[in-house]
Amino acid sequence: MITNNIQIRKAKDSDFNNIMEIEKEAFGSEEEANLVSQLLEDKSAEPVISLLAFKNREAVGHILFTKATIDGNTTSPLIYILAPMAVKPKHQRQGIGGMLINEGLNLLKGIGAEMVFVLGHESYYPKYGFKQDAGSMGFTATYPIPKEHANGWMVYTLTSGSTDGFRGRVVCADALNKSEYWSE
């Protein structure tokens, strides 16, 4: 997808260094980059959707969607967790994050995914259709979310009726299954 000189495409193995650079710049530390590196190697996260945004051939944004399940449901629908999303600081507030989200959601819908969860800024993700407080809808996070941040645990339904009949704890990929990643 190309819009306003921004190209979004699936990341390739050869993009690894670009991804690490984006994560480090956007978050100002190695922590998110290390998490992304672990998630890209994590078999329990597969199949992952990893997308890069380019502006004038410079890699400026990255988003990662990893497979998840609903605890205790043997016929769990195909669900994903969006984490993390990063845009280099000098390219933020230009719509790049939104383009990454929308392209990822389109790709996930295309492979038959039914829901996407995110723990993030409660004023940002609803602009793209995420519904706040997924816990109140019966989808608890991998780790408890403090009440004051309940609206930050959100769900996006990709198919109508996809939340019907399924409730429970969302179980993330092994690399993301650490309590420190579950506080907003």
C-alpha atoms as a PDB file:
ATOM      1  CA  MET A   1       0.000   0.000   0.000  1.00  0.00           C
ATOM      2  CA  ILE A   2       1.332   3.455  -0.930  1.00  0.00           C
ATOM      3  CA  THR A   3      -0.269   6.683   0.331  1.00  0.00           C
ATOM      4  CA  ASN A   4       1.257  10.192   0.593  1.00  0.00           C
ATOM      5  CA  ASN A   5       4.781   8.927  -0.109  1.00  0.00           C
ATOM      6  CA  ILE A   6       4.330   6.291   2.615  1.00  0.00           C
ATOM      7  CA  GLN A   7       4.718   2.679   1.561  1.00  0.00           C
ATOM      8  CA  ILE A   8       3.522  -0.116   3.866  1.00  0.00           C
ATOM      9  CA  ARG A   9       4.703  -3.657   3.213  1.00  0.00           C
ATOM     10  CA  LYS A  10       5.297  -6.937   4.985  1.00  0.00           C
ATOM     11  CA  ALA A  11       8.662  -7.049   6.696  1.00  0.00           C
ATOM     12  CA  LYS A  12      11.287  -9.458   5.374  1.00  0.00           C
ATOM     13  CA  ASP A  13      14.142 -11.161   7.226  1.00  0.00           C
ATOM     14  CA  SER A  14      16.501  -8.625   5.635  1.00  0.00           C
ATOM     15  CA  ASP A  15      14.554  -5.813   7.370  1.00  0.00           C
ATOM     16  CA  PHE A  16      15.587  -6.891  10.873  1.00  0.00           C
ATOM     17  CA  ASN A  17      18.097  -4.054  11.422  1.00  0.00           C
ATOM     18  CA  ASN A  18      15.570  -1.462  10.226  1.00  0.00           C
ATOM     19  CA  ILE A  19      12.980  -2.856  12.650  1.00  0.00           C
ATOM     20  CA  MET A  20      15.421  -2.719  15.569  1.00  0.00           C
ATOM     21  CA  GLU A  21      16.391   0.873  14.712  1.00  0.00           C
ATOM     22  CA  ILE A  22      12.748   1.983  14.596  1.00  0.00           C
ATOM     23  CA  GLU A  23      11.910   0.313  17.925  1.00  0.00           C
ATOM     24  CA  LYS A  24      14.960   1.796  19.685  1.00  0.00           C
ATOM     25  CA  GLU A  25      14.339   5.297  18.322  1.00  0.00           C
ATOM     26  CA  ALA A  26      10.614   5.292  19.014  1.00  0.00           C
ATOM     27  CA  PHE A  27      10.847   3.968  22.565  1.00  0.00           C
ATOM     28  CA  GLY A  28      14.231   5.435  23.508  1.00  0.00           C
ATOM     29  CA  SER A  29      15.575   2.136  24.830  1.00  0.00           C
ATOM     30  CA  GLU A  30      16.497  -1.415  23.901  1.00  0.00           C
ATOM     31  CA  GLU A  31      13.546  -2.979  25.758  1.00  0.00           C
ATOM     32  CA  GLU A  32      10.950  -2.884  22.960  1.00  0.00           C
ATOM     33  CA  ALA A  33      13.547  -3.856  20.356  1.00  0.00           C
ATOM     34  CA  ASN A  34      14.495  -6.885  22.452  1.00  0.00           C
ATOM     35  CA  LEU A  35      10.822  -7.831  22.821  1.00  0.00           C
ATOM     36  CA  VAL A  36      10.269  -7.589  19.055  1.00  0.00           C
ATOM     37  CA  SER A  37      13.368  -9.689  18.405  1.00  0.00           C
ATOM     38  CA  GLN A  38      12.084 -12.358  20.810  1.00  0.00           C
ATOM     39  CA  LEU A  39       8.563 -12.289  19.347  1.00  0.00           C
ATOM     40  CA  LEU A  40       9.888 -12.698  15.801  1.00  0.00           C
ATOM     41  CA  GLU A  41      11.666 -15.888  16.941  1.00  0.00           C
ATOM     42  CA  ASP A  42       8.810 -17.161  19.136  1.00  0.00           C
ATOM     43  CA  LYS A  43       7.061 -20.192  17.589  1.00  0.00           C
ATOM     44  CA  SER A  44       4.001 -19.621  19.813  1.00  0.00           C
ATOM     45  CA  ALA A  45       3.526 -16.197  18.150  1.00  0.00           C
ATOM     46  CA  GLU A  46       3.230 -17.626  14.630  1.00  0.00           C
ATOM     47  CA  PRO A  47       1.984 -16.757  12.171  1.00  0.00           C
ATOM     48  CA  VAL A  48       3.073 -13.183  12.855  1.00  0.00           C
ATOM     49  CA  ILE A  49       2.150 -10.149  10.803  1.00  0.00           C
ATOM     50  CA  SER A  50       5.105  -7.744  10.779  1.00  0.00           C
ATOM     51  CA  LEU A  51       4.742  -4.579   8.714  1.00  0.00           C
ATOM     52  CA  LEU A  52       7.114  -1.749   7.899  1.00  0.00           C
ATOM     53  CA  ALA A  53       6.328   1.791   6.812  1.00  0.00           C
ATOM     54  CA  PHE A  54       8.730   3.586   4.493  1.00  0.00           C
ATOM     55  CA  LYS A  55       8.845   7.285   3.679  1.00  0.00           C
ATOM     56  CA  ASN A  56      11.103   8.161   0.753  1.00  0.00           C
ATOM     57  CA  ARG A  57      12.792   4.754   1.131  1.00  0.00           C
ATOM     58  CA  GLU A  58      13.563   5.305   4.839  1.00  0.00           C
ATOM     59  CA  ALA A  59      12.059   2.774   7.263  1.00  0.00           C
ATOM     60  CA  VAL A  60      10.051   4.963   9.649  1.00  0.00           C
ATOM     61  CA  GLY A  61       7.456   2.715  11.302  1.00  0.00           C
ATOM     62  CA  HIS A  62       6.834  -0.868  12.372  1.00  0.00           C
ATOM     63  CA  ILE A  63       3.896  -2.826  13.734  1.00  0.00           C
ATOM     64  CA  LEU A  64       3.725  -6.404  14.970  1.00  0.00           C
ATOM     65  CA  PHE A  65       0.701  -8.661  15.386  1.00  0.00           C
ATOM     66  CA  THR A  66       1.261 -11.999  17.151  1.00  0.00           C
ATOM     67  CA  LYS A  67      -1.077 -14.957  17.478  1.00  0.00           C
ATOM     68  CA  ALA A  68      -2.930 -15.458  20.758  1.00  0.00           C
ATOM     69  CA  THR A  69      -5.553 -17.859  22.102  1.00  0.00           C
ATOM     70  CA  ILE A  70      -8.436 -17.792  24.544  1.00  0.00           C
ATOM     71  CA  ASP A  71      -7.614 -19.916  27.577  1.00  0.00           C
ATOM     72  CA  GLY A  72      -9.773 -22.978  27.976  1.00  0.00           C
ATOM     73  CA  ASN A  73     -11.389 -22.797  24.530  1.00  0.00           C
ATOM     74  CA  THR A  74     -10.370 -25.764  22.415  1.00  0.00           C
ATOM     75  CA  THR A  75     -12.003 -24.136  19.405  1.00  0.00           C
ATOM     76  CA  SER A  76     -10.606 -20.670  20.062  1.00  0.00           C
ATOM     77  CA  PRO A  77     -11.088 -18.282  17.150  1.00  0.00           C
ATOM     78  CA  LEU A  78      -8.003 -16.980  15.350  1.00  0.00           C
ATOM     79  CA  ILE A  79      -7.030 -13.951  17.428  1.00  0.00           C
ATOM     80  CA  TYR A  80      -4.037 -11.642  17.565  1.00  0.00           C
ATOM     81  CA  ILE A  81      -2.376  -9.124  19.839  1.00  0.00           C
ATOM     82  CA  LEU A  82      -1.036  -5.858  18.443  1.00  0.00           C
ATOM     83  CA  ALA A  83       2.249  -5.179  20.229  1.00  0.00           C
ATOM     84  CA  PRO A  84       4.245  -3.183  19.740  1.00  0.00           C
ATOM     85  CA  MET A  85       3.764  -0.396  17.241  1.00  0.00           C
ATOM     86  CA  ALA A  86       6.543   2.130  16.732  1.00  0.00           C
ATOM     87  CA  VAL A  87       7.084   5.205  14.573  1.00  0.00           C
ATOM     88  CA  LYS A  88      10.321   7.184  14.619  1.00  0.00           C
ATOM     89  CA  PRO A  89       9.740  10.397  16.607  1.00  0.00           C
ATOM     90  CA  LYS A  90      10.362  12.810  13.719  1.00  0.00           C
ATOM     91  CA  HIS A  91       7.713  10.957  11.671  1.00  0.00           C
ATOM     92  CA  GLN A  92       5.021  10.772  14.345  1.00  0.00           C
ATOM     93  CA  ARG A  93       1.697  12.620  14.037  1.00  0.00           C
ATOM     94  CA  GLN A  94       1.686  12.124  10.266  1.00  0.00           C
ATOM     95  CA  GLY A  95      -0.792   9.233  10.124  1.00  0.00           C
ATOM     96  CA  ILE A  96       1.843   6.517   9.733  1.00  0.00           C
ATOM     97  CA  GLY A  97       0.728   4.598  12.833  1.00  0.00           C
ATOM     98  CA  GLY A  98      -2.855   4.619  11.597  1.00  0.00           C
ATOM     99  CA  MET A  99      -1.791   3.367   8.181  1.00  0.00           C
ATOM    100  CA  LEU A 100       0.141   0.516   9.822  1.00  0.00           C
ATOM    101  CA  ILE A 101      -2.872  -0.387  11.978  1.00  0.00           C
ATOM    102  CA  ASN A 102      -5.321  -0.324   9.064  1.00  0.00           C
ATOM    103  CA  GLU A 103      -3.072  -2.367   6.772  1.00  0.00           C
ATOM    104  CA  GLY A 104      -2.482  -4.911   9.541  1.00  0.00           C
ATOM    105  CA  LEU A 105      -6.198  -5.233  10.266  1.00  0.00           C
ATOM    106  CA  ASN A 106      -6.910  -5.736   6.542  1.00  0.00           C
ATOM    107  CA  LEU A 107      -4.272  -8.469   6.289  1.00  0.00           C
ATOM    108  CA  LEU A 108      -5.560 -10.180   9.432  1.00  0.00           C
ATOM    109  CA  LYS A 109      -9.114 -10.134   8.124  1.00  0.00           C
ATOM    110  CA  GLY A 110      -7.809 -11.659   4.896  1.00  0.00           C
ATOM    111  CA  ILE A 111      -6.333 -14.655   6.729  1.00  0.00           C
ATOM    112  CA  GLY A 112      -9.517 -15.248   8.707  1.00  0.00           C
ATOM    113  CA  ALA A 113      -8.550 -13.695  12.030  1.00  0.00           C
ATOM    114  CA  GLU A 114     -11.583 -12.733  14.090  1.00  0.00           C
ATOM    115  CA  MET A 115     -10.297 -10.422  16.821  1.00  0.00           C
ATOM    116  CA  VAL A 116      -7.286  -8.252  17.633  1.00  0.00           C
ATOM    117  CA  PHE A 117      -6.426  -7.118  21.156  1.00  0.00           C
ATOM    118  CA  VAL A 118      -4.180  -4.268  22.251  1.00  0.00           C
ATOM    119  CA  LEU A 119      -3.080  -2.757  25.543  1.00  0.00           C
ATOM    120  CA  GLY A 120      -2.428   0.838  24.658  1.00  0.00           C
ATOM    121  CA  HIS A 121      -3.363   4.489  24.750  1.00  0.00           C
ATOM    122  CA  GLU A 122      -7.096   4.650  25.368  1.00  0.00           C
ATOM    123  CA  SER A 123      -7.512   7.806  23.299  1.00  0.00           C
ATOM    124  CA  TYR A 124      -5.532   6.560  20.272  1.00  0.00           C
ATOM    125  CA  TYR A 125      -6.694   3.077  19.306  1.00  0.00           C
ATOM    126  CA  PRO A 126     -10.469   3.750  19.416  1.00  0.00           C
ATOM    127  CA  LYS A 127      -9.931   6.067  16.418  1.00  0.00           C
ATOM    128  CA  TYR A 128      -9.267   2.871  14.452  1.00  0.00           C
ATOM    129  CA  GLY A 129     -12.256   0.929  15.749  1.00  0.00           C
ATOM    130  CA  PHE A 130     -10.861  -0.674  18.908  1.00  0.00           C
ATOM    131  CA  LYS A 131     -13.407  -0.968  21.715  1.00  0.00           C
ATOM    132  CA  GLN A 132     -12.209  -0.057  25.200  1.00  0.00           C
ATOM    133  CA  ASP A 133     -12.324  -2.283  28.272  1.00  0.00           C
ATOM    134  CA  ALA A 134     -12.262  -5.692  26.600  1.00  0.00           C
ATOM    135  CA  GLY A 135     -12.277  -7.113  30.137  1.00  0.00           C
ATOM    136  CA  SER A 136     -15.856  -5.955  30.665  1.00  0.00           C
ATOM    137  CA  MET A 137     -16.768  -7.859  27.476  1.00  0.00           C
ATOM    138  CA  GLY A 138     -15.449 -11.073  28.987  1.00  0.00           C
ATOM    139  CA  PHE A 139     -11.904 -10.990  27.584  1.00  0.00           C
ATOM    140  CA  THR A 140      -9.427 -10.688  30.418  1.00  0.00           C
ATOM    141  CA  ALA A 141      -5.825  -9.826  29.649  1.00  0.00           C
ATOM    142  CA  THR A 142      -2.959 -12.259  30.079  1.00  0.00           C
ATOM    143  CA  TYR A 143      -2.127 -10.448  33.323  1.00  0.00           C
ATOM    144  CA  PRO A 144      -4.552  -8.347  35.393  1.00  0.00           C
ATOM    145  CA  ILE A 145      -4.976  -4.765  34.210  1.00  0.00           C
ATOM    146  CA  PRO A 146      -5.340  -2.211  37.036  1.00  0.00           C
ATOM    147  CA  LYS A 147      -8.858  -0.772  37.179  1.00  0.00           C
ATOM    148  CA  GLU A 148      -7.640   2.735  36.322  1.00  0.00           C
ATOM    149  CA  HIS A 149      -6.217   1.368  33.035  1.00  0.00           C
ATOM    150  CA  ALA A 150      -9.093  -0.981  32.136  1.00  0.00           C
ATOM    151  CA  ASN A 151     -10.021   1.145  29.105  1.00  0.00           C
ATOM    152  CA  GLY A 152      -6.507   0.570  27.720  1.00  0.00           C
ATOM    153  CA  TRP A 153      -7.241  -3.151  27.179  1.00  0.00           C
ATOM    154  CA  MET A 154      -9.123  -3.086  23.878  1.00  0.00           C
ATOM    155  CA  VAL A 155     -10.521  -5.389  21.218  1.00  0.00           C
ATOM    156  CA  TYR A 156     -11.191  -4.964  17.515  1.00  0.00           C
ATOM    157  CA  THR A 157     -13.616  -7.412  15.933  1.00  0.00           C
ATOM    158  CA  LEU A 158     -12.777  -8.312  12.347  1.00  0.00           C
ATOM    159  CA  THR A 159     -15.931 -10.333  11.646  1.00  0.00           C
ATOM    160  CA  SER A 160     -19.484  -9.773  12.803  1.00  0.00           C
ATOM    161  CA  GLY A 161     -20.412 -12.067  15.648  1.00  0.00           C
ATOM    162  CA  SER A 162     -16.785 -13.016  16.265  1.00  0.00           C
ATOM    163  CA  THR A 163     -17.113 -12.357  19.994  1.00  0.00           C
ATOM    164  CA  ASP A 164     -20.242 -14.511  20.294  1.00  0.00           C
ATOM    165  CA  GLY A 165     -19.724 -17.577  22.445  1.00  0.00           C
ATOM    166  CA  PHE A 166     -16.106 -16.899  23.279  1.00  0.00           C
ATOM    167  CA  ARG A 167     -15.034 -15.469  26.584  1.00  0.00           C
ATOM    168  CA  GLY A 168     -12.003 -15.965  28.748  1.00  0.00           C
ATOM    169  CA  ARG A 169      -8.422 -15.011  29.376  1.00  0.00           C
ATOM    170  CA  VAL A 170      -6.449 -13.982  26.300  1.00  0.00           C
ATOM    171  CA  VAL A 171      -3.193 -15.944  26.265  1.00  0.00           C
ATOM    172  CA  CYS A 172      -0.373 -14.229  24.421  1.00  0.00           C
ATOM    173  CA  ALA A 173       2.805 -15.583  22.840  1.00  0.00           C
ATOM    174  CA  ASP A 174       5.435 -16.879  25.260  1.00  0.00           C
ATOM    175  CA  ALA A 175       7.819 -13.934  24.731  1.00  0.00           C
ATOM    176  CA  LEU A 176       5.059 -11.465  25.667  1.00  0.00           C
ATOM    177  CA  ASN A 177       3.938 -13.527  28.657  1.00  0.00           C
ATOM    178  CA  LYS A 178       5.730 -11.457  31.312  1.00  0.00           C
ATOM    179  CA  SER A 179       3.908  -9.269  33.808  1.00  0.00           C
ATOM    180  CA  GLU A 180       6.049  -6.189  33.075  1.00  0.00           C
ATOM    181  CA  TYR A 181       4.572  -6.005  29.559  1.00  0.00           C
ATOM    182  CA  TRP A 182       1.032  -5.834  30.935  1.00  0.00           C
ATOM    183  CA  SER A 183       0.991  -2.512  32.724  1.00  0.00           C
ATOM    184  CA  GLU A 184      -0.038   0.559  30.790  1.00  0.00           C
END
